[in-house]
Amino acid sequence: MRKPVTIISGFIALLATAGLACAAEAAGGAVRYMSDDAIGLSYIAAAIGMSIAAAGCGIGQGLGLKAACEGTARNPEAGGKLMVTLILGLAFIESLAIYALVVNMILLFVNPLAKPLL
């Protein structure tokens, strides 16, 4: 019972504070850009996020491969079905790493608050 309450209260807190973070506006309606320090920190955050995503996907793929090898060793006739399921599972796990890569590329190159190059 404690875990769902914690999840729900965290979600409500996230929704309550998201508006404050997005509602900041400069005086006179001018566009506010990120400082150079904030841009550098977003690069660091993207690197840390991608490394965590890659590590998690690597662990997940290793566990899936281990289970498939054990299943094939116990029942060699089911090797074909296990291989199909393994490849499908590995594709799903790898898609998580690709999604993390896309989000990190957005953070790095399509940041709307970064200073324009011109």
N, C-alpha and C. Protein backbone atom coordinates (compact mmCIF):
# COMPACT_ATOMS: atom_id res chain seq x y z
N MET A 1 0.82 -1.20 0.00
CA MET A 1 0.00 0.00 0.00
C MET A 1 0.86 1.27 0.00
N ARG A 2 2.06 1.14 0.57
CA ARG A 2 2.91 2.31 0.68
C ARG A 2 3.49 2.72 -0.68
N LYS A 3 3.81 1.75 -1.52
CA LYS A 3 4.41 2.07 -2.81
C LYS A 3 3.45 2.82 -3.74
N PRO A 4 2.18 2.39 -3.89
CA PRO A 4 1.28 3.17 -4.75
C PRO A 4 1.04 4.58 -4.24
N VAL A 5 0.98 4.75 -2.93
CA VAL A 5 0.78 6.09 -2.38
C VAL A 5 1.98 6.97 -2.69
N THR A 6 3.18 6.42 -2.59
CA THR A 6 4.39 7.18 -2.90
C THR A 6 4.43 7.56 -4.38
N ILE A 7 4.06 6.64 -5.24
CA ILE A 7 4.06 6.92 -6.68
C ILE A 7 3.03 7.99 -7.02
N ILE A 8 1.84 7.87 -6.47
CA ILE A 8 0.79 8.83 -6.77
C ILE A 8 1.14 10.21 -6.23
N SER A 9 1.67 10.28 -5.02
CA SER A 9 2.03 11.58 -4.45
C SER A 9 3.19 12.21 -5.22
N GLY A 10 4.14 11.41 -5.67
CA GLY A 10 5.21 11.94 -6.50
C GLY A 10 4.72 12.47 -7.83
N PHE A 11 3.76 11.77 -8.42
CA PHE A 11 3.18 12.22 -9.69
C PHE A 11 2.42 13.52 -9.51
N ILE A 12 1.68 13.65 -8.42
CA ILE A 12 0.93 14.88 -8.15
C ILE A 12 1.91 16.04 -7.91
N ALA A 13 2.99 15.78 -7.18
CA ALA A 13 3.99 16.82 -6.95
C ALA A 13 4.65 17.25 -8.25
N LEU A 14 4.90 16.31 -9.14
CA LEU A 14 5.48 16.63 -10.44
C LEU A 14 4.54 17.51 -11.25
N LEU A 15 3.26 17.15 -11.27
CA LEU A 15 2.29 17.96 -12.00
C LEU A 15 2.13 19.35 -11.39
N ALA A 16 2.22 19.44 -10.07
CA ALA A 16 2.03 20.73 -9.41
C ALA A 16 3.19 21.68 -9.67
N THR A 17 4.39 21.16 -9.80
CA THR A 17 5.56 22.03 -9.98
C THR A 17 5.95 22.24 -11.43
N ALA A 18 5.41 21.47 -12.35
CA ALA A 18 5.80 21.61 -13.76
C ALA A 18 5.38 22.97 -14.31
N GLY A 19 4.22 23.46 -13.90
CA GLY A 19 3.77 24.76 -14.37
C GLY A 19 4.67 25.88 -13.92
N LEU A 20 5.21 25.78 -12.72
CA LEU A 20 6.11 26.82 -12.23
C LEU A 20 7.40 26.85 -13.03
N ALA A 21 7.88 25.70 -13.43
CA ALA A 21 9.12 25.65 -14.19
C ALA A 21 8.93 26.18 -15.60
N CYS A 22 7.76 25.95 -16.18
CA CYS A 22 7.53 26.36 -17.57
C CYS A 22 6.97 27.77 -17.68
N ALA A 23 6.53 28.38 -16.59
CA ALA A 23 5.85 29.66 -16.67
C ALA A 23 6.79 30.85 -16.52
N ALA A 24 8.07 30.64 -16.42
CA ALA A 24 8.99 31.75 -16.23
C ALA A 24 9.04 32.61 -17.49
N GLU A 25 8.90 33.91 -17.29
CA GLU A 25 8.92 34.82 -18.42
C GLU A 25 9.76 36.02 -18.04
N ALA A 26 10.54 36.50 -18.97
CA ALA A 26 11.40 37.64 -18.70
C ALA A 26 10.57 38.92 -18.70
N ALA A 27 11.13 39.96 -18.12
CA ALA A 27 10.45 41.25 -18.10
C ALA A 27 10.34 41.81 -19.51
N GLY A 28 9.18 42.33 -19.84
CA GLY A 28 8.97 42.91 -21.16
C GLY A 28 8.75 41.88 -22.25
N GLY A 29 8.57 40.63 -21.91
CA GLY A 29 8.30 39.60 -22.91
C GLY A 29 9.52 39.19 -23.70
N ALA A 30 10.72 39.56 -23.25
CA ALA A 30 11.93 39.20 -23.97
C ALA A 30 12.21 37.71 -23.79
N VAL A 31 12.89 37.14 -24.74
CA VAL A 31 13.23 35.73 -24.69
C VAL A 31 14.40 35.54 -23.75
N ARG A 32 14.28 34.58 -22.84
CA ARG A 32 15.37 34.27 -21.92
C ARG A 32 16.10 33.04 -22.44
N TYR A 33 17.40 33.15 -22.55
CA TYR A 33 18.21 32.03 -23.01
C TYR A 33 18.93 31.40 -21.84
N MET A 34 19.35 30.18 -22.05
CA MET A 34 20.12 29.48 -21.03
C MET A 34 21.53 30.07 -20.96
N SER A 35 22.09 30.07 -19.77
CA SER A 35 23.47 30.52 -19.64
C SER A 35 24.40 29.43 -20.18
N ASP A 36 25.64 29.80 -20.35
CA ASP A 36 26.62 28.82 -20.84
C ASP A 36 26.81 27.68 -19.84
N ASP A 37 26.70 28.00 -18.55
CA ASP A 37 26.82 26.95 -17.54
C ASP A 37 25.68 25.95 -17.65
N ALA A 38 24.47 26.45 -17.87
CA ALA A 38 23.32 25.56 -17.99
C ALA A 38 23.41 24.69 -19.23
N ILE A 39 23.93 25.25 -20.30
CA ILE A 39 24.11 24.46 -21.52
C ILE A 39 25.15 23.36 -21.29
N GLY A 40 26.23 23.71 -20.60
CA GLY A 40 27.24 22.70 -20.27
C GLY A 40 26.68 21.61 -19.38
N LEU A 41 25.83 21.99 -18.41
CA LEU A 41 25.21 21.00 -17.54
C LEU A 41 24.24 20.11 -18.30
N SER A 42 23.57 20.67 -19.33
CA SER A 42 22.68 19.82 -20.13
C SER A 42 23.48 18.79 -20.92
N TYR A 43 24.69 19.15 -21.36
CA TYR A 43 25.56 18.17 -22.03
C TYR A 43 25.96 17.06 -21.06
N ILE A 44 26.30 17.44 -19.84
CA ILE A 44 26.67 16.43 -18.85
C ILE A 44 25.48 15.54 -18.52
N ALA A 45 24.30 16.14 -18.39
CA ALA A 45 23.09 15.36 -18.10
C ALA A 45 22.78 14.38 -19.23
N ALA A 46 22.98 14.81 -20.48
CA ALA A 46 22.74 13.92 -21.61
C ALA A 46 23.73 12.75 -21.59
N ALA A 47 24.97 13.03 -21.26
CA ALA A 47 25.98 11.96 -21.20
C ALA A 47 25.66 10.96 -20.09
N ILE A 48 25.28 11.47 -18.93
CA ILE A 48 24.94 10.58 -17.82
C ILE A 48 23.69 9.77 -18.14
N GLY A 49 22.69 10.43 -18.72
CA GLY A 49 21.46 9.72 -19.07
C GLY A 49 21.69 8.62 -20.09
N MET A 50 22.51 8.87 -21.09
CA MET A 50 22.77 7.85 -22.09
C MET A 50 23.59 6.71 -21.52
N SER A 51 24.52 7.02 -20.62
CA SER A 51 25.31 5.95 -20.03
C SER A 51 24.45 5.06 -19.13
N ILE A 52 23.53 5.64 -18.39
CA ILE A 52 22.63 4.84 -17.56
C ILE A 52 21.72 3.99 -18.44
N ALA A 53 21.20 4.58 -19.52
CA ALA A 53 20.32 3.82 -20.42
C ALA A 53 21.07 2.67 -21.08
N ALA A 54 22.31 2.93 -21.51
CA ALA A 54 23.09 1.87 -22.15
C ALA A 54 23.44 0.76 -21.17
N ALA A 55 23.76 1.13 -19.94
CA ALA A 55 24.09 0.12 -18.94
C ALA A 55 22.86 -0.72 -18.60
N GLY A 56 21.72 -0.06 -18.44
CA GLY A 56 20.50 -0.81 -18.14
C GLY A 56 20.10 -1.74 -19.27
N CYS A 57 20.22 -1.28 -20.50
CA CYS A 57 19.88 -2.14 -21.63
C CYS A 57 20.87 -3.28 -21.76
N GLY A 58 22.14 -3.04 -21.49
CA GLY A 58 23.14 -4.11 -21.54
C GLY A 58 22.87 -5.18 -20.49
N ILE A 59 22.51 -4.76 -19.29
CA ILE A 59 22.18 -5.72 -18.25
C ILE A 59 20.94 -6.52 -18.63
N GLY A 60 19.93 -5.84 -19.15
CA GLY A 60 18.71 -6.53 -19.57
C GLY A 60 18.96 -7.53 -20.69
N GLN A 61 19.77 -7.16 -21.66
CA GLN A 61 20.08 -8.08 -22.74
C GLN A 61 20.90 -9.26 -22.25
N GLY A 62 21.80 -9.02 -21.34
CA GLY A 62 22.60 -10.12 -20.78
C GLY A 62 21.74 -11.11 -20.02
N LEU A 63 20.80 -10.61 -19.22
CA LEU A 63 19.91 -11.50 -18.48
C LEU A 63 19.00 -12.29 -19.42
N GLY A 64 18.53 -11.65 -20.47
CA GLY A 64 17.69 -12.36 -21.44
C GLY A 64 18.45 -13.44 -22.18
N LEU A 65 19.67 -13.15 -22.58
CA LEU A 65 20.50 -14.14 -23.26
C LEU A 65 20.84 -15.30 -22.33
N LYS A 66 21.12 -14.99 -21.08
CA LYS A 66 21.41 -16.04 -20.11
C LYS A 66 20.23 -16.98 -19.94
N ALA A 67 19.03 -16.40 -19.82
CA ALA A 67 17.84 -17.23 -19.65
C ALA A 67 17.56 -18.07 -20.89
N ALA A 68 17.79 -17.51 -22.08
CA ALA A 68 17.57 -18.28 -23.31
C ALA A 68 18.56 -19.43 -23.43
N CYS A 69 19.81 -19.20 -23.07
CA CYS A 69 20.81 -20.27 -23.12
C CYS A 69 20.48 -21.37 -22.11
N GLU A 70 20.05 -20.99 -20.93
CA GLU A 70 19.66 -22.00 -19.94
C GLU A 70 18.45 -22.80 -20.40
N GLY A 71 17.48 -22.10 -21.01
CA GLY A 71 16.30 -22.81 -21.51
C GLY A 71 16.63 -23.77 -22.63
N THR A 72 17.53 -23.37 -23.52
CA THR A 72 17.93 -24.25 -24.61
C THR A 72 18.73 -25.43 -24.08
N ALA A 73 19.54 -25.21 -23.05
CA ALA A 73 20.31 -26.31 -22.48
C ALA A 73 19.40 -27.33 -21.79
N ARG A 74 18.33 -26.87 -21.20
CA ARG A 74 17.41 -27.79 -20.51
C ARG A 74 16.50 -28.52 -21.47
N ASN A 75 16.09 -27.82 -22.55
CA ASN A 75 15.16 -28.41 -23.50
C ASN A 75 15.60 -28.03 -24.92
N PRO A 76 16.46 -28.82 -25.54
CA PRO A 76 16.99 -28.46 -26.86
C PRO A 76 15.93 -28.38 -27.96
N GLU A 77 14.82 -29.11 -27.80
CA GLU A 77 13.78 -29.04 -28.84
C GLU A 77 13.10 -27.69 -28.89
N ALA A 78 13.09 -26.97 -27.80
CA ALA A 78 12.42 -25.66 -27.75
C ALA A 78 13.36 -24.53 -28.15
N GLY A 79 14.52 -24.85 -28.67
CA GLY A 79 15.51 -23.83 -29.03
C GLY A 79 15.01 -22.85 -30.07
N GLY A 80 14.23 -23.32 -31.06
CA GLY A 80 13.72 -22.43 -32.10
C GLY A 80 12.75 -21.40 -31.55
N LYS A 81 11.83 -21.85 -30.72
CA LYS A 81 10.86 -20.92 -30.12
C LYS A 81 11.55 -19.94 -29.18
N LEU A 82 12.54 -20.44 -28.44
CA LEU A 82 13.26 -19.55 -27.55
C LEU A 82 14.05 -18.51 -28.32
N MET A 83 14.61 -18.90 -29.45
CA MET A 83 15.41 -17.96 -30.24
C MET A 83 14.55 -16.83 -30.79
N VAL A 84 13.35 -17.17 -31.27
CA VAL A 84 12.45 -16.14 -31.78
C VAL A 84 12.04 -15.18 -30.67
N THR A 85 11.70 -15.73 -29.51
CA THR A 85 11.32 -14.90 -28.38
C THR A 85 12.49 -14.04 -27.91
N LEU A 86 13.69 -14.63 -27.92
CA LEU A 86 14.87 -13.89 -27.50
C LEU A 86 15.14 -12.71 -28.43
N ILE A 87 15.09 -12.94 -29.72
CA ILE A 87 15.37 -11.87 -30.67
C ILE A 87 14.33 -10.76 -30.55
N LEU A 88 13.07 -11.12 -30.37
CA LEU A 88 12.03 -10.13 -30.19
C LEU A 88 12.25 -9.32 -28.91
N GLY A 89 12.59 -10.01 -27.82
CA GLY A 89 12.86 -9.32 -26.57
C GLY A 89 14.07 -8.41 -26.65
N LEU A 90 15.13 -8.86 -27.31
CA LEU A 90 16.31 -8.02 -27.47
C LEU A 90 16.01 -6.78 -28.31
N ALA A 91 15.14 -6.92 -29.30
CA ALA A 91 14.76 -5.75 -30.11
C ALA A 91 14.00 -4.74 -29.26
N PHE A 92 13.12 -5.22 -28.38
CA PHE A 92 12.38 -4.30 -27.50
C PHE A 92 13.33 -3.60 -26.53
N ILE A 93 14.28 -4.34 -25.99
CA ILE A 93 15.22 -3.74 -25.04
C ILE A 93 16.10 -2.72 -25.76
N GLU A 94 16.53 -3.04 -26.97
CA GLU A 94 17.38 -2.12 -27.72
C GLU A 94 16.62 -0.86 -28.12
N SER A 95 15.31 -0.99 -28.33
CA SER A 95 14.53 0.20 -28.67
C SER A 95 14.53 1.20 -27.52
N LEU A 96 14.62 0.74 -26.28
CA LEU A 96 14.71 1.66 -25.15
C LEU A 96 15.99 2.48 -25.22
N ALA A 97 17.09 1.86 -25.60
CA ALA A 97 18.34 2.60 -25.74
C ALA A 97 18.25 3.60 -26.89
N ILE A 98 17.57 3.24 -27.95
CA ILE A 98 17.41 4.16 -29.08
C ILE A 98 16.54 5.35 -28.68
N TYR A 99 15.48 5.11 -27.90
CA TYR A 99 14.66 6.22 -27.41
C TYR A 99 15.48 7.15 -26.53
N ALA A 100 16.32 6.59 -25.66
CA ALA A 100 17.18 7.42 -24.82
C ALA A 100 18.15 8.23 -25.68
N LEU A 101 18.67 7.62 -26.73
CA LEU A 101 19.57 8.34 -27.63
C LEU A 101 18.85 9.50 -28.30
N VAL A 102 17.62 9.29 -28.74
CA VAL A 102 16.86 10.35 -29.40
C VAL A 102 16.60 11.51 -28.43
N VAL A 103 16.22 11.18 -27.21
CA VAL A 103 15.99 12.24 -26.21
C VAL A 103 17.28 13.01 -25.94
N ASN A 104 18.39 12.31 -25.85
CA ASN A 104 19.66 12.99 -25.60
C ASN A 104 20.08 13.85 -26.79
N MET A 105 19.81 13.40 -28.00
CA MET A 105 20.11 14.23 -29.17
C MET A 105 19.25 15.49 -29.18
N ILE A 106 18.00 15.37 -28.75
CA ILE A 106 17.15 16.55 -28.64
C ILE A 106 17.72 17.51 -27.61
N LEU A 107 18.17 16.98 -26.46
CA LEU A 107 18.76 17.83 -25.44
C LEU A 107 20.01 18.54 -25.96
N LEU A 108 20.78 17.85 -26.78
CA LEU A 108 22.05 18.42 -27.23
C LEU A 108 21.90 19.39 -28.39
N PHE A 109 21.04 19.08 -29.36
CA PHE A 109 21.04 19.85 -30.61
C PHE A 109 19.79 20.66 -30.88
N VAL A 110 18.67 20.36 -30.26
CA VAL A 110 17.43 21.04 -30.59
C VAL A 110 16.90 21.75 -29.34
N ASN A 111 17.79 22.20 -28.50
CA ASN A 111 17.39 22.86 -27.27
C ASN A 111 16.83 24.24 -27.60
N PRO A 112 15.54 24.49 -27.34
CA PRO A 112 14.95 25.77 -27.74
C PRO A 112 15.43 26.92 -26.87
N LEU A 113 16.00 26.65 -25.73
CA LEU A 113 16.45 27.73 -24.85
C LEU A 113 17.91 28.07 -25.03
N ALA A 114 18.61 27.34 -25.90
CA ALA A 114 20.03 27.63 -26.13
C ALA A 114 20.17 28.91 -26.95
N LYS A 115 21.27 29.58 -26.79
CA LYS A 115 21.51 30.80 -27.54
C LYS A 115 21.64 30.51 -29.03
N PRO A 116 21.08 31.36 -29.88
CA PRO A 116 21.23 31.12 -31.32
C PRO A 116 22.68 31.29 -31.74
N LEU A 117 23.05 30.61 -32.82
CA LEU A 117 24.44 30.66 -33.29
C LEU A 117 24.77 31.96 -34.01
N LEU A 118 23.78 32.65 -34.51
CA LEU A 118 24.04 33.87 -35.27
C LEU A 118 24.22 35.07 -34.39
